[in-house]
Each structure stands twice: as C-alpha cells, then as structure tokens.
Amino acid sequence: MTNFLLVLILLQFKHLIADFFLQSSYILDNRKIYGHPGGILHVAIHAAGSIAAFWIMGTDWWTMFVVVIVEVLIHYHLDWAKDNFVAKRGLTTVDKLFWYALGVDQAIHQLTYVLMAQFWYMVQ
C-alpha cells in the first residue's frame, strides 16, 4: 500500500468517526448558525482527527498546520452552507433534495481528503 493511499484511508476513517459517530444534537442543531460553538466544535473534532492521521504518518508540524487549517475552513463553510440550504427549505430525510444535499456535501468532503492526501504526498 502506498503512503498516499494510507493517509487517504486514515482521513476517511477520521471522517467517519467525526461526521457520524461524534456528532451530537448540539452540533447538528447549531452548525447552521455562523460562528456558533457547535459548528466550531465539529470542525475542531475533525482537525484533531486529521492531526492524528498526519502525526501517524510522521508529518512535520508546518505541513500539518497548513493542511488542517485549509481543511477546517472548507469543512466549516461546506457544512454551514449545506445546513442552511436544508433548513431554509425545511427538508427532512423523506425529501430527495435532502439526500442530494447530503450526498454533494459528503462528496466534497471526500474530494477535500484526496486533495489533502495529494498535497501531503507531494511535500513528503
């Protein structure tokens, strides 16, 4: 297995934990409010997981800092936009548009991890 693939798998596993296992109603109910501590907590959990993944791979602190800051900014704003899109339309899990929004959100998160892994691979 290549190091690129390994770091990508670590980031995807981190995403599963942070986006599904560690989300609380406090986070989910408040991510749509810009600057709310719930949304900030959510991206802090993601940042901690990404730092752990890059630490496992022996990444230098500067690279880790740059990559994780960019991830936090993208992740926060993507979730905020998706949550507002869903809330303003009153979408629920019975609506197709809810699932489209969730699918696009998750696809962009995964593409972000591919780009993070590629950048990491290039600077190592």
Protein backbone atom coordinates (compact mmCIF):
# COMPACT_ATOMS: atom_id res chain seq x y z
CA MET A 1 0.00 0.00 0.00
CA THR A 2 1.36 3.42 -0.88
CA ASN A 3 1.73 6.18 1.69
CA PHE A 4 -0.73 8.28 -0.34
CA LEU A 5 -3.37 5.58 -0.02
CA LEU A 6 -2.64 5.05 3.65
CA VAL A 7 -3.04 8.73 4.56
CA LEU A 8 -6.23 8.88 2.49
CA ILE A 9 -7.66 5.87 4.34
CA LEU A 10 -6.75 7.45 7.70
CA LEU A 11 -8.52 10.68 6.70
CA GLN A 12 -11.61 8.78 5.54
CA PHE A 13 -11.74 6.77 8.76
CA LYS A 14 -11.36 10.03 10.72
CA HIS A 15 -14.25 11.47 8.73
CA LEU A 16 -16.49 8.53 9.58
CA ILE A 17 -15.77 8.96 13.28
CA ALA A 18 -16.06 12.78 13.34
CA ASP A 19 -19.00 13.22 10.97
CA PHE A 20 -21.15 10.32 12.13
CA PHE A 21 -20.10 8.81 15.48
CA LEU A 22 -19.15 12.01 17.34
CA GLN A 23 -21.87 14.38 16.16
CA SER A 24 -24.33 15.36 18.85
CA SER A 25 -27.69 17.09 18.59
CA TYR A 26 -25.93 20.22 19.92
CA ILE A 27 -23.59 20.20 16.93
CA LEU A 28 -26.25 19.26 14.39
CA ASP A 29 -28.78 21.81 15.65
CA ASN A 30 -26.33 24.71 15.60
CA ARG A 31 -23.98 24.26 12.64
CA LYS A 32 -26.25 26.45 10.52
CA ILE A 33 -25.62 29.44 12.84
CA TYR A 34 -22.45 31.08 11.61
CA GLY A 35 -19.82 31.21 14.34
CA HIS A 36 -21.80 29.09 16.80
CA PRO A 37 -19.65 26.98 19.15
CA GLY A 38 -21.42 23.82 17.91
CA GLY A 39 -20.04 24.25 14.40
CA ILE A 40 -16.65 25.22 15.73
CA LEU A 41 -16.63 22.14 17.98
CA HIS A 42 -17.44 19.99 14.96
CA VAL A 43 -14.50 21.24 12.91
CA ALA A 44 -12.23 21.06 15.96
CA ILE A 45 -13.05 17.35 16.20
CA HIS A 46 -12.20 17.00 12.51
CA ALA A 47 -8.96 18.94 12.99
CA ALA A 48 -7.92 16.73 15.90
CA GLY A 49 -8.55 13.62 13.81
CA SER A 50 -6.60 14.98 10.86
CA ILE A 51 -3.71 15.96 13.10
CA ALA A 52 -3.70 12.40 14.45
CA ALA A 53 -3.71 10.95 10.93
CA PHE A 54 -0.83 13.14 9.78
CA TRP A 55 1.08 12.54 13.02
CA ILE A 56 0.81 8.77 12.44
CA MET A 57 2.34 9.38 9.02
CA GLY A 58 5.25 11.34 10.52
CA THR A 59 4.26 14.67 9.01
CA ASP A 60 6.17 17.80 10.00
CA TRP A 61 4.21 20.35 12.04
CA TRP A 62 4.24 23.09 9.40
CA THR A 63 2.70 20.87 6.70
CA MET A 64 0.19 19.53 9.20
CA PHE A 65 -0.79 23.06 10.26
CA VAL A 66 -1.29 24.32 6.70
CA VAL A 67 -3.30 21.31 5.56
CA VAL A 68 -5.52 21.20 8.64
CA ILE A 69 -6.26 24.95 8.61
CA VAL A 70 -7.39 24.70 4.98
CA GLU A 71 -9.49 21.64 5.83
CA VAL A 72 -11.14 23.42 8.77
CA LEU A 73 -12.08 26.41 6.63
CA ILE A 74 -13.53 24.25 3.84
CA HIS A 75 -15.31 21.83 6.18
CA TYR A 76 -16.87 24.55 8.33
CA HIS A 77 -18.22 26.54 5.40
CA LEU A 78 -19.41 23.49 3.49
CA ASP A 79 -21.41 22.20 6.47
CA TRP A 80 -22.75 25.68 7.22
CA ALA A 81 -23.91 26.12 3.60
CA LYS A 82 -25.48 22.65 3.41
CA ASP A 83 -27.25 23.03 6.75
CA ASN A 84 -28.66 26.41 5.71
CA PHE A 85 -29.76 25.01 2.35
CA VAL A 86 -31.61 22.20 4.12
CA ALA A 87 -33.08 24.41 6.87
CA LYS A 88 -34.32 27.19 4.58
CA ARG A 89 -36.22 24.62 2.51
CA GLY A 90 -37.50 22.68 5.51
CA LEU A 91 -36.01 19.48 4.11
CA THR A 92 -36.09 16.24 6.06
CA THR A 93 -34.87 12.71 5.42
CA VAL A 94 -38.02 11.96 3.44
CA ASP A 95 -37.12 14.58 0.81
CA LYS A 96 -34.96 13.65 -2.19
CA LEU A 97 -33.36 17.10 -2.11
CA PHE A 98 -32.16 16.43 1.45
CA TRP A 99 -30.27 13.36 0.22
CA TYR A 100 -28.89 15.22 -2.78
CA ALA A 101 -27.57 17.94 -0.47
CA LEU A 102 -26.06 15.38 1.90
CA GLY A 103 -24.52 13.44 -0.99
CA VAL A 104 -22.92 16.54 -2.51
CA ASP A 105 -21.67 17.58 0.94
CA GLN A 106 -20.08 14.19 1.57
CA ALA A 107 -18.59 14.00 -1.94
CA ILE A 108 -16.91 17.39 -1.50
CA HIS A 109 -15.57 16.32 1.90
CA GLN A 110 -14.06 13.21 0.30
CA LEU A 111 -12.58 15.22 -2.58
CA THR A 112 -11.03 17.50 0.03
CA TYR A 113 -9.34 14.46 1.58
CA VAL A 114 -8.00 13.37 -1.80
CA LEU A 115 -6.50 16.85 -2.29
CA MET A 116 -5.11 16.89 1.26
CA ALA A 117 -3.50 13.49 0.71
CA GLN A 118 -2.09 14.59 -2.65
CA PHE A 119 -0.59 17.76 -1.17
CA TRP A 120 0.85 15.74 1.73
CA TYR A 121 2.32 13.20 -0.69
CA MET A 122 3.92 15.92 -2.82
CA VAL A 123 5.67 17.65 0.09
CA GLN A 124 6.91 14.50 1.81
